[in-house]
Every structure is written in structure tokens, then in C-alpha cells.
N, C-alpha and C. Protein backbone atom coordinates (compact mmCIF):
# COMPACT_ATOMS: atom_id res chain seq x y z
N UNK A 1 -10.20 -58.24 -166.99
CA UNK A 1 -9.36 -57.07 -167.20
C UNK A 1 -9.11 -56.33 -165.89
N UNK A 2 -7.99 -55.66 -165.86
CA UNK A 2 -7.60 -54.88 -164.69
C UNK A 2 -7.25 -53.47 -165.15
N UNK A 3 -7.72 -52.49 -164.40
CA UNK A 3 -7.36 -51.10 -164.67
C UNK A 3 -6.51 -50.60 -163.51
N UNK A 4 -5.47 -49.86 -163.86
CA UNK A 4 -4.55 -49.31 -162.87
C UNK A 4 -4.49 -47.80 -163.05
N UNK A 5 -4.67 -47.08 -161.97
CA UNK A 5 -4.62 -45.62 -162.03
C UNK A 5 -3.58 -45.10 -161.07
N UNK A 6 -2.54 -44.48 -161.62
CA UNK A 6 -1.45 -43.95 -160.80
C UNK A 6 -1.68 -42.48 -160.49
N UNK A 7 -1.08 -42.05 -159.40
CA UNK A 7 -1.09 -40.64 -159.04
C UNK A 7 0.10 -40.36 -158.15
N UNK A 8 0.43 -39.08 -158.00
CA UNK A 8 1.46 -38.69 -157.06
C UNK A 8 2.76 -38.23 -157.67
N UNK A 9 2.90 -38.32 -158.98
CA UNK A 9 4.13 -37.86 -159.59
C UNK A 9 4.22 -36.34 -159.57
N UNK A 10 5.38 -35.82 -159.98
CA UNK A 10 5.54 -34.39 -160.01
C UNK A 10 6.99 -33.98 -160.06
N UNK A 11 7.22 -32.72 -159.79
CA UNK A 11 8.56 -32.14 -159.79
C UNK A 11 9.01 -31.91 -158.36
N UNK A 12 10.22 -32.36 -158.07
CA UNK A 12 10.75 -32.22 -156.72
C UNK A 12 12.25 -31.95 -156.81
N UNK A 13 12.78 -31.29 -155.82
CA UNK A 13 14.21 -31.02 -155.79
C UNK A 13 14.98 -32.22 -155.27
N UNK A 14 16.24 -32.25 -155.59
CA UNK A 14 17.13 -33.30 -155.07
C UNK A 14 17.02 -33.35 -153.55
N UNK A 15 16.88 -34.56 -153.04
CA UNK A 15 16.74 -34.76 -151.61
C UNK A 15 15.31 -34.76 -151.12
N UNK A 16 14.40 -34.42 -151.99
CA UNK A 16 12.99 -34.35 -151.62
C UNK A 16 12.32 -35.71 -151.64
N UNK A 17 11.01 -35.69 -151.40
CA UNK A 17 10.23 -36.92 -151.31
C UNK A 17 8.96 -36.80 -152.15
N UNK A 18 8.52 -37.95 -152.61
CA UNK A 18 7.24 -38.07 -153.29
C UNK A 18 6.63 -39.41 -152.90
N UNK A 19 5.32 -39.46 -152.94
CA UNK A 19 4.62 -40.72 -152.69
C UNK A 19 3.71 -41.01 -153.88
N UNK A 20 3.97 -42.12 -154.53
CA UNK A 20 3.14 -42.56 -155.64
C UNK A 20 2.08 -43.53 -155.13
N UNK A 21 0.91 -43.44 -155.73
CA UNK A 21 -0.18 -44.36 -155.41
C UNK A 21 -0.71 -44.98 -156.69
N UNK A 22 -1.19 -46.19 -156.57
CA UNK A 22 -1.78 -46.88 -157.71
C UNK A 22 -2.97 -47.69 -157.22
N UNK A 23 -4.14 -47.36 -157.77
CA UNK A 23 -5.36 -48.07 -157.40
C UNK A 23 -5.72 -49.03 -158.52
N UNK A 24 -5.93 -50.28 -158.14
CA UNK A 24 -6.31 -51.31 -159.11
C UNK A 24 -7.80 -51.59 -159.01
N UNK A 25 -8.40 -51.83 -160.16
CA UNK A 25 -9.82 -52.20 -160.18
C UNK A 25 -10.02 -53.25 -161.26
N UNK A 26 -11.14 -53.98 -161.14
CA UNK A 26 -11.42 -55.02 -162.12
C UNK A 26 -11.20 -56.40 -161.53
N UNK A 27 -10.73 -57.32 -162.37
CA UNK A 27 -10.56 -58.72 -161.97
C UNK A 27 -9.19 -58.93 -161.32
N UNK A 28 -9.15 -58.73 -160.04
CA UNK A 28 -7.89 -58.85 -159.29
C UNK A 28 -7.91 -60.17 -158.54
N UNK A 29 -6.95 -61.03 -158.81
CA UNK A 29 -6.89 -62.32 -158.17
C UNK A 29 -6.33 -62.17 -156.75
N UNK A 30 -6.65 -63.12 -155.90
CA UNK A 30 -6.18 -63.06 -154.52
C UNK A 30 -4.67 -63.19 -154.43
N UNK A 31 -4.09 -63.92 -155.38
CA UNK A 31 -2.63 -64.04 -155.42
C UNK A 31 -2.12 -63.16 -156.57
N UNK A 32 -1.40 -62.15 -156.22
CA UNK A 32 -0.91 -61.24 -157.24
C UNK A 32 0.32 -60.51 -156.75
N UNK A 33 1.00 -59.92 -157.66
CA UNK A 33 2.14 -59.07 -157.34
C UNK A 33 1.88 -57.70 -157.93
N UNK A 34 2.13 -56.67 -157.17
CA UNK A 34 2.04 -55.31 -157.67
C UNK A 34 3.41 -54.68 -157.58
N UNK A 35 3.69 -53.83 -158.52
CA UNK A 35 5.01 -53.25 -158.54
C UNK A 35 5.07 -51.92 -159.25
N UNK A 36 6.21 -51.31 -159.13
CA UNK A 36 6.51 -50.06 -159.81
C UNK A 36 7.73 -50.26 -160.70
N UNK A 37 7.58 -49.83 -161.93
CA UNK A 37 8.67 -49.81 -162.88
C UNK A 37 8.91 -48.36 -163.28
N UNK A 38 10.06 -48.10 -163.86
CA UNK A 38 10.32 -46.77 -164.36
C UNK A 38 11.08 -46.83 -165.67
N UNK A 39 10.88 -45.79 -166.46
CA UNK A 39 11.57 -45.70 -167.73
C UNK A 39 12.03 -44.27 -167.94
N UNK A 40 13.33 -44.12 -167.99
CA UNK A 40 13.94 -42.82 -168.26
C UNK A 40 14.12 -42.67 -169.76
N UNK A 41 14.23 -41.44 -170.26
CA UNK A 41 14.41 -41.23 -171.70
C UNK A 41 15.63 -41.98 -172.23
N UNK A 42 15.43 -42.74 -173.28
CA UNK A 42 16.51 -43.47 -173.90
C UNK A 42 16.93 -44.73 -173.19
N UNK A 43 16.21 -45.10 -172.15
CA UNK A 43 16.57 -46.30 -171.38
C UNK A 43 15.42 -47.29 -171.38
N UNK A 44 15.77 -48.51 -171.04
CA UNK A 44 14.74 -49.55 -170.95
C UNK A 44 13.97 -49.41 -169.65
N UNK A 45 12.76 -49.91 -169.67
CA UNK A 45 11.95 -49.93 -168.46
C UNK A 45 12.57 -50.91 -167.47
N UNK A 46 12.63 -50.49 -166.22
CA UNK A 46 13.24 -51.34 -165.20
C UNK A 46 12.36 -51.43 -163.97
N UNK A 47 12.48 -52.56 -163.28
CA UNK A 47 11.74 -52.74 -162.05
C UNK A 47 12.34 -51.87 -160.96
N UNK A 48 11.50 -51.15 -160.25
CA UNK A 48 11.94 -50.36 -159.10
C UNK A 48 11.69 -51.13 -157.81
N UNK A 49 10.48 -51.61 -157.65
CA UNK A 49 10.13 -52.35 -156.45
C UNK A 49 8.85 -53.13 -156.71
N UNK A 50 8.70 -54.24 -156.01
CA UNK A 50 7.48 -55.04 -156.13
C UNK A 50 7.11 -55.60 -154.78
N UNK A 51 5.83 -55.96 -154.67
CA UNK A 51 5.33 -56.52 -153.43
C UNK A 51 4.24 -57.52 -153.77
N UNK A 52 4.33 -58.69 -153.14
CA UNK A 52 3.34 -59.72 -153.39
C UNK A 52 2.11 -59.49 -152.51
N UNK A 53 1.04 -60.22 -152.82
CA UNK A 53 -0.16 -60.12 -152.00
C UNK A 53 0.11 -60.61 -150.58
N UNK A 54 1.17 -61.41 -150.41
CA UNK A 54 1.54 -61.86 -149.07
C UNK A 54 2.47 -60.90 -148.35
N UNK A 55 2.92 -59.86 -149.05
CA UNK A 55 3.73 -58.83 -148.41
C UNK A 55 5.23 -58.93 -148.65
N UNK A 56 5.67 -59.88 -149.44
CA UNK A 56 7.11 -59.97 -149.73
C UNK A 56 7.50 -58.88 -150.71
N UNK A 57 8.63 -58.25 -150.43
CA UNK A 57 9.07 -57.11 -151.24
C UNK A 57 10.39 -57.39 -151.94
N UNK A 58 10.60 -56.64 -153.00
CA UNK A 58 11.83 -56.74 -153.77
C UNK A 58 12.15 -55.33 -154.27
N UNK A 59 13.43 -54.94 -154.19
CA UNK A 59 13.83 -53.60 -154.59
C UNK A 59 15.02 -53.65 -155.56
N UNK A 60 15.00 -52.71 -156.48
CA UNK A 60 16.17 -52.50 -157.33
C UNK A 60 17.27 -51.93 -156.44
N UNK A 61 18.50 -52.32 -156.72
CA UNK A 61 19.61 -52.01 -155.82
C UNK A 61 19.76 -50.51 -155.53
N UNK A 62 19.59 -49.68 -156.53
CA UNK A 62 19.86 -48.25 -156.36
C UNK A 62 18.82 -47.52 -155.51
N UNK A 63 17.69 -48.16 -155.25
CA UNK A 63 16.65 -47.49 -154.45
C UNK A 63 16.54 -48.05 -153.04
N UNK A 64 17.29 -49.08 -152.76
CA UNK A 64 17.24 -49.68 -151.43
C UNK A 64 17.62 -48.66 -150.37
N UNK A 65 16.83 -48.59 -149.32
CA UNK A 65 17.09 -47.63 -148.25
C UNK A 65 16.49 -46.26 -148.49
N UNK A 66 16.03 -46.01 -149.73
CA UNK A 66 15.43 -44.71 -150.04
C UNK A 66 13.94 -44.84 -150.38
N UNK A 67 13.58 -45.92 -151.04
CA UNK A 67 12.19 -46.13 -151.46
C UNK A 67 11.58 -47.24 -150.62
N UNK A 68 10.29 -47.11 -150.38
CA UNK A 68 9.54 -48.14 -149.66
C UNK A 68 8.24 -48.42 -150.39
N UNK A 69 8.04 -49.69 -150.71
CA UNK A 69 6.79 -50.10 -151.35
C UNK A 69 5.88 -50.71 -150.29
N UNK A 70 4.60 -50.42 -150.39
CA UNK A 70 3.63 -50.99 -149.46
C UNK A 70 2.30 -51.13 -150.21
N UNK A 71 1.40 -51.86 -149.59
CA UNK A 71 0.11 -52.04 -150.24
C UNK A 71 -0.99 -52.17 -149.20
N UNK A 72 -2.18 -51.81 -149.63
CA UNK A 72 -3.38 -51.98 -148.83
C UNK A 72 -4.30 -52.89 -149.62
N UNK A 73 -4.33 -54.15 -149.25
CA UNK A 73 -5.10 -55.12 -150.03
C UNK A 73 -6.59 -54.83 -150.02
N UNK A 74 -7.08 -54.28 -148.93
CA UNK A 74 -8.51 -53.95 -148.85
C UNK A 74 -8.89 -52.87 -149.85
N UNK A 75 -7.94 -52.01 -150.17
CA UNK A 75 -8.19 -50.92 -151.12
C UNK A 75 -7.60 -51.20 -152.50
N UNK A 76 -6.99 -52.37 -152.66
CA UNK A 76 -6.34 -52.71 -153.93
C UNK A 76 -5.41 -51.60 -154.38
N UNK A 77 -4.63 -51.11 -153.45
CA UNK A 77 -3.75 -49.97 -153.71
C UNK A 77 -2.33 -50.31 -153.32
N UNK A 78 -1.40 -49.87 -154.15
CA UNK A 78 0.02 -50.00 -153.85
C UNK A 78 0.62 -48.60 -153.82
N UNK A 79 1.57 -48.43 -152.93
CA UNK A 79 2.22 -47.14 -152.73
C UNK A 79 3.72 -47.28 -152.94
N UNK A 80 4.33 -46.19 -153.33
CA UNK A 80 5.79 -46.13 -153.39
C UNK A 80 6.22 -44.82 -152.74
N UNK A 81 6.76 -44.93 -151.55
CA UNK A 81 7.30 -43.76 -150.86
C UNK A 81 8.74 -43.58 -151.30
N UNK A 82 9.02 -42.44 -151.88
CA UNK A 82 10.34 -42.18 -152.43
C UNK A 82 10.97 -41.03 -151.65
N UNK A 83 12.04 -41.33 -150.94
CA UNK A 83 12.77 -40.33 -150.17
C UNK A 83 14.17 -40.14 -150.74
N UNK A 84 14.80 -39.05 -150.35
CA UNK A 84 16.17 -38.76 -150.79
C UNK A 84 16.31 -38.90 -152.30
N UNK A 85 15.39 -38.28 -153.00
CA UNK A 85 15.36 -38.42 -154.45
C UNK A 85 16.58 -37.78 -155.10
N UNK A 86 17.01 -38.42 -156.19
CA UNK A 86 18.17 -37.97 -156.94
C UNK A 86 17.76 -37.68 -158.39
N UNK A 87 18.52 -36.84 -159.08
CA UNK A 87 18.19 -36.57 -160.48
C UNK A 87 18.08 -37.85 -161.32
N UNK A 88 18.86 -38.85 -161.00
CA UNK A 88 18.80 -40.10 -161.77
C UNK A 88 17.52 -40.90 -161.52
N UNK A 89 16.71 -40.46 -160.57
CA UNK A 89 15.40 -41.09 -160.37
C UNK A 89 14.35 -40.53 -161.32
N UNK A 90 14.71 -39.52 -162.06
CA UNK A 90 13.78 -38.92 -163.02
C UNK A 90 13.38 -39.95 -164.07
N UNK A 91 12.08 -40.14 -164.21
CA UNK A 91 11.57 -41.14 -165.15
C UNK A 91 10.05 -41.10 -165.12
N UNK A 92 9.46 -41.83 -166.05
CA UNK A 92 8.03 -42.12 -165.96
C UNK A 92 7.90 -43.40 -165.14
N UNK A 93 7.09 -43.34 -164.12
CA UNK A 93 6.90 -44.49 -163.24
C UNK A 93 5.57 -45.17 -163.58
N UNK A 94 5.66 -46.47 -163.77
CA UNK A 94 4.50 -47.25 -164.16
C UNK A 94 4.13 -48.25 -163.07
N UNK A 95 2.86 -48.33 -162.81
CA UNK A 95 2.34 -49.33 -161.90
C UNK A 95 2.07 -50.61 -162.69
N UNK A 96 2.33 -51.75 -162.07
CA UNK A 96 2.12 -53.02 -162.75
C UNK A 96 1.50 -54.00 -161.79
N UNK A 97 0.55 -54.77 -162.28
CA UNK A 97 -0.07 -55.83 -161.48
C UNK A 97 -0.02 -57.13 -162.27
N UNK A 98 0.37 -58.18 -161.59
CA UNK A 98 0.38 -59.51 -162.20
C UNK A 98 -0.55 -60.41 -161.42
N UNK A 99 -1.59 -60.89 -162.08
CA UNK A 99 -2.47 -61.88 -161.48
C UNK A 99 -1.85 -63.26 -161.65
N UNK A 100 -1.85 -64.04 -160.58
CA UNK A 100 -1.28 -65.38 -160.62
C UNK A 100 -2.37 -66.40 -160.34
N UNK A 101 -2.46 -67.40 -161.20
CA UNK A 101 -3.42 -68.48 -161.00
C UNK A 101 -2.74 -69.76 -161.44
N UNK A 102 -2.36 -70.56 -160.46
CA UNK A 102 -1.62 -71.77 -160.79
C UNK A 102 -0.31 -71.42 -161.45
N UNK A 103 -0.10 -71.95 -162.65
CA UNK A 103 1.13 -71.64 -163.39
C UNK A 103 0.93 -70.50 -164.37
N UNK A 104 -0.25 -69.91 -164.36
CA UNK A 104 -0.54 -68.82 -165.28
C UNK A 104 -0.37 -67.47 -164.61
N UNK A 105 0.01 -66.50 -165.40
CA UNK A 105 0.16 -65.14 -164.89
C UNK A 105 -0.21 -64.16 -165.99
N UNK A 106 -0.98 -63.16 -165.63
CA UNK A 106 -1.36 -62.10 -166.56
C UNK A 106 -0.96 -60.76 -165.98
N UNK A 107 -0.28 -59.97 -166.77
CA UNK A 107 0.20 -58.68 -166.31
C UNK A 107 -0.55 -57.52 -166.92
N UNK A 108 -0.65 -56.45 -166.14
CA UNK A 108 -1.34 -55.24 -166.57
C UNK A 108 -0.52 -54.03 -166.18
N UNK A 109 -0.66 -52.97 -166.98
CA UNK A 109 0.13 -51.76 -166.77
C UNK A 109 -0.78 -50.54 -166.62
N UNK A 110 -0.31 -49.60 -165.82
CA UNK A 110 -0.94 -48.30 -165.78
C UNK A 110 -0.38 -47.41 -166.87
N UNK A 111 -0.89 -46.18 -166.93
CA UNK A 111 -0.50 -45.25 -167.98
C UNK A 111 0.82 -44.54 -167.66
N UNK A 112 1.21 -44.56 -166.39
CA UNK A 112 2.47 -43.93 -166.00
C UNK A 112 2.27 -42.56 -165.40
N UNK A 113 3.17 -42.20 -164.52
CA UNK A 113 3.17 -40.87 -163.92
C UNK A 113 4.60 -40.35 -163.91
N UNK A 114 4.76 -39.09 -164.31
CA UNK A 114 6.10 -38.52 -164.47
C UNK A 114 6.66 -38.06 -163.14
N UNK A 115 7.90 -38.42 -162.91
CA UNK A 115 8.65 -37.92 -161.75
C UNK A 115 9.88 -37.20 -162.28
N UNK A 116 10.04 -35.95 -161.88
CA UNK A 116 11.20 -35.17 -162.28
C UNK A 116 11.89 -34.66 -161.03
N UNK A 117 13.18 -34.99 -160.93
CA UNK A 117 13.98 -34.55 -159.79
C UNK A 117 14.99 -33.55 -160.30
N UNK A 118 14.87 -32.32 -159.84
CA UNK A 118 15.77 -31.27 -160.30
C UNK A 118 17.01 -31.19 -159.42
N UNK A 119 18.11 -30.85 -160.04
CA UNK A 119 19.38 -30.77 -159.29
C UNK A 119 19.62 -29.36 -158.77
């Protein structure tokens, strides 16, 4: 099992910045992907950004150039630096970790942290 604990959400004005953190504990495989998803009211959960244990990153189109995902493997922590925030970034942000072993993959979710961007 893997436990994920997010922090860093809050209320910020348009154009502001927030940094989300997610600490993973438990059975974390050496090959894994960590990521951030978000879900706005009435919308489906969507991938915001992800990063593999090797450091490869992937971003949702609307956050490119504004958000940066990074990780500290020694601390089993993933970060999401969010700059130039917009009201449409308002959502609950969820941390996700996928353990990869051969052709198998197991995913885990955090409880979520609320981000509200006021206009």
C-alpha cells in the first residue's frame, strides 16, 4: 500500500502562485510515475502534470509554461509549482502515484487539496 499526503492548496488571486507538495510513503517501487490531477465542480478529473522516476514530464496543454512539476526521489515527494494562476485553475488537486513492475501497474490517490483562484 501507498499513502499520499498533499499540502499547499489555498486561496490565491488571479496571477498569483501556489506550490503543492505530495509526500508518498509505504511500498513505493523504484519505477513509478507521480502526478497531479484536478477536478473542478461538474467536470471530470483531468491530468495536470506527471513525472516519471526517471524525470520525464508531461503537462496538460493549458498549464504549459505556467506550471512546473518536479520531484525529490530521496524524499518521495512531488511538487507542483503553479504560477500565473487563473480562475479556471480552481479545482481540487489530487496527487497520484503509479507503481510499475514489469507489465503491471498499481495506482494510488491522495485525498486532494483545494485550490481556489479568485478573479
